[in-house]
Amino acid sequence: MYPSRLNLKTALMKESALGATLPASEVIREALRLLEIAEAAKQRRLIDIRQKIDRGLEHLDQGRGIDPETARAKLRAARRKK
């Protein structure tokens, strides 16, 4: 998830209000650094999701699946925990 423009604008306005003035190149460098961090986190989440899907498919191939109602109940319970 990329930092939103609004969040970046708000952060810059706060810095400006505090008297901290940064050259445009520093602001851009920091924004790019934050985008890089966000992209790396996104990639880690995608890898994790793909690994979970692969494990699930392996379980199904081995006949270790669960019936659809049990699966739905588990998904609903997990969603409620969030």
C-alpha atoms as a PDB file:
ATOM      1  CA  MET A   1       0.000   0.000   0.000  1.00  0.00           C
ATOM      2  CA  TYR A   2       1.453   3.300  -1.045  1.00  0.00           C
ATOM      3  CA  PRO A   3       1.343   6.303   1.247  1.00  0.00           C
ATOM      4  CA  SER A   4      -1.497   8.471   0.054  1.00  0.00           C
ATOM      5  CA  ARG A   5      -0.905  11.892  -1.408  1.00  0.00           C
ATOM      6  CA  LEU A   6      -3.048  13.317   1.363  1.00  0.00           C
ATOM      7  CA  ASN A   7      -0.830  11.755   4.043  1.00  0.00           C
ATOM      8  CA  LEU A   8       2.279  13.068   2.338  1.00  0.00           C
ATOM      9  CA  LYS A   9       0.745  16.514   1.972  1.00  0.00           C
ATOM     10  CA  THR A  10      -0.317  16.510   5.640  1.00  0.00           C
ATOM     11  CA  ALA A  11       3.156  15.460   6.765  1.00  0.00           C
ATOM     12  CA  LEU A  12       4.767  18.171   4.680  1.00  0.00           C
ATOM     13  CA  MET A  13       2.361  20.787   6.026  1.00  0.00           C
ATOM     14  CA  LYS A  14       3.169  19.744   9.611  1.00  0.00           C
ATOM     15  CA  GLU A  15       6.894  19.957   8.934  1.00  0.00           C
ATOM     16  CA  SER A  16       6.425  23.357   7.354  1.00  0.00           C
ATOM     17  CA  ALA A  17       4.344  24.590  10.302  1.00  0.00           C
ATOM     18  CA  LEU A  18       7.127  23.534  12.666  1.00  0.00           C
ATOM     19  CA  GLY A  19       9.558  25.616  10.669  1.00  0.00           C
ATOM     20  CA  ALA A  20      11.339  22.664   9.145  1.00  0.00           C
ATOM     21  CA  THR A  21      11.946  23.519   5.533  1.00  0.00           C
ATOM     22  CA  LEU A  22      13.474  20.902   3.329  1.00  0.00           C
ATOM     23  CA  PRO A  23      14.741  21.316  -0.192  1.00  0.00           C
ATOM     24  CA  ALA A  24      12.472  19.770  -2.818  1.00  0.00           C
ATOM     25  CA  SER A  25      15.112  17.124  -3.564  1.00  0.00           C
ATOM     26  CA  GLU A  26      15.016  15.956   0.073  1.00  0.00           C
ATOM     27  CA  VAL A  27      11.233  15.770   0.037  1.00  0.00           C
ATOM     28  CA  ILE A  28      11.297  13.740  -3.163  1.00  0.00           C
ATOM     29  CA  ARG A  29      14.053  11.479  -1.825  1.00  0.00           C
ATOM     30  CA  GLU A  30      12.032  10.792   1.330  1.00  0.00           C
ATOM     31  CA  ALA A  31       8.860  10.153  -0.663  1.00  0.00           C
ATOM     32  CA  LEU A  32      10.704   7.673  -2.883  1.00  0.00           C
ATOM     33  CA  ARG A  33      12.182   5.956   0.166  1.00  0.00           C
ATOM     34  CA  LEU A  34       8.698   5.567   1.666  1.00  0.00           C
ATOM     35  CA  LEU A  35       7.352   4.216  -1.617  1.00  0.00           C
ATOM     36  CA  GLU A  36      10.190   1.696  -1.740  1.00  0.00           C
ATOM     37  CA  ILE A  37       9.421   0.537   1.808  1.00  0.00           C
ATOM     38  CA  ALA A  38       5.716   0.230   0.991  1.00  0.00           C
ATOM     39  CA  GLU A  39       6.439  -1.736  -2.187  1.00  0.00           C
ATOM     40  CA  ALA A  40       8.749  -4.138  -0.322  1.00  0.00           C
ATOM     41  CA  ALA A  41       6.038  -4.738   2.300  1.00  0.00           C
ATOM     42  CA  LYS A  42       3.505  -5.365  -0.468  1.00  0.00           C
ATOM     43  CA  GLN A  43       5.828  -7.883  -2.121  1.00  0.00           C
ATOM     44  CA  ARG A  44       6.333  -9.712   1.199  1.00  0.00           C
ATOM     45  CA  ARG A  45       2.556  -9.945   1.677  1.00  0.00           C
ATOM     46  CA  LEU A  46       2.112 -11.300  -1.861  1.00  0.00           C
ATOM     47  CA  ILE A  47       4.792 -13.945  -1.291  1.00  0.00           C
ATOM     48  CA  ASP A  48       3.091 -14.960   1.966  1.00  0.00           C
ATOM     49  CA  ILE A  49      -0.318 -15.218   0.275  1.00  0.00           C
ATOM     50  CA  ARG A  50       1.098 -17.275  -2.593  1.00  0.00           C
ATOM     51  CA  GLN A  51       2.780 -19.653  -0.135  1.00  0.00           C
ATOM     52  CA  LYS A  52      -0.502 -20.110   1.734  1.00  0.00           C
ATOM     53  CA  ILE A  53      -2.320 -20.821  -1.517  1.00  0.00           C
ATOM     54  CA  ASP A  54       0.336 -23.375  -2.499  1.00  0.00           C
ATOM     55  CA  ARG A  55       0.023 -25.116   0.896  1.00  0.00           C
ATOM     56  CA  GLY A  56      -3.751 -25.199   0.523  1.00  0.00           C
ATOM     57  CA  LEU A  57      -3.514 -26.703  -2.949  1.00  0.00           C
ATOM     58  CA  GLU A  58      -1.054 -29.323  -1.690  1.00  0.00           C
ATOM     59  CA  HIS A  59      -3.480 -30.257   1.084  1.00  0.00           C
ATOM     60  CA  LEU A  60      -6.285 -30.609  -1.452  1.00  0.00           C
ATOM     61  CA  ASP A  61      -4.078 -32.767  -3.699  1.00  0.00           C
ATOM     62  CA  GLN A  62      -3.372 -34.994  -0.693  1.00  0.00           C
ATOM     63  CA  GLY A  63      -7.079 -35.306   0.087  1.00  0.00           C
ATOM     64  CA  ARG A  64      -6.761 -33.216   3.224  1.00  0.00           C
ATOM     65  CA  GLY A  65      -9.405 -30.690   2.243  1.00  0.00           C
ATOM     66  CA  ILE A  66     -12.343 -29.627   4.355  1.00  0.00           C
ATOM     67  CA  ASP A  67     -15.983 -29.397   3.380  1.00  0.00           C
ATOM     68  CA  PRO A  68     -17.209 -26.031   2.050  1.00  0.00           C
ATOM     69  CA  GLU A  69     -19.354 -25.203   5.110  1.00  0.00           C
ATOM     70  CA  THR A  70     -16.432 -25.715   7.483  1.00  0.00           C
ATOM     71  CA  ALA A  71     -14.231 -23.565   5.239  1.00  0.00           C
ATOM     72  CA  ARG A  72     -16.826 -20.774   5.175  1.00  0.00           C
ATOM     73  CA  ALA A  73     -17.216 -20.915   8.960  1.00  0.00           C
ATOM     74  CA  LYS A  74     -13.456 -20.651   9.451  1.00  0.00           C
ATOM     75  CA  LEU A  75     -13.220 -17.724   7.039  1.00  0.00           C
ATOM     76  CA  ARG A  76     -16.084 -15.921   8.765  1.00  0.00           C
ATOM     77  CA  ALA A  77     -14.504 -16.475  12.177  1.00  0.00           C
ATOM     78  CA  ALA A  78     -11.156 -15.173  10.961  1.00  0.00           C
ATOM     79  CA  ARG A  79     -12.805 -12.088   9.472  1.00  0.00           C
ATOM     80  CA  ARG A  80     -14.606 -11.351  12.762  1.00  0.00           C
ATOM     81  CA  LYS A  81     -11.265 -11.413  14.620  1.00  0.00           C
ATOM     82  CA  LYS A  82     -10.013  -8.499  12.525  1.00  0.00           C
END
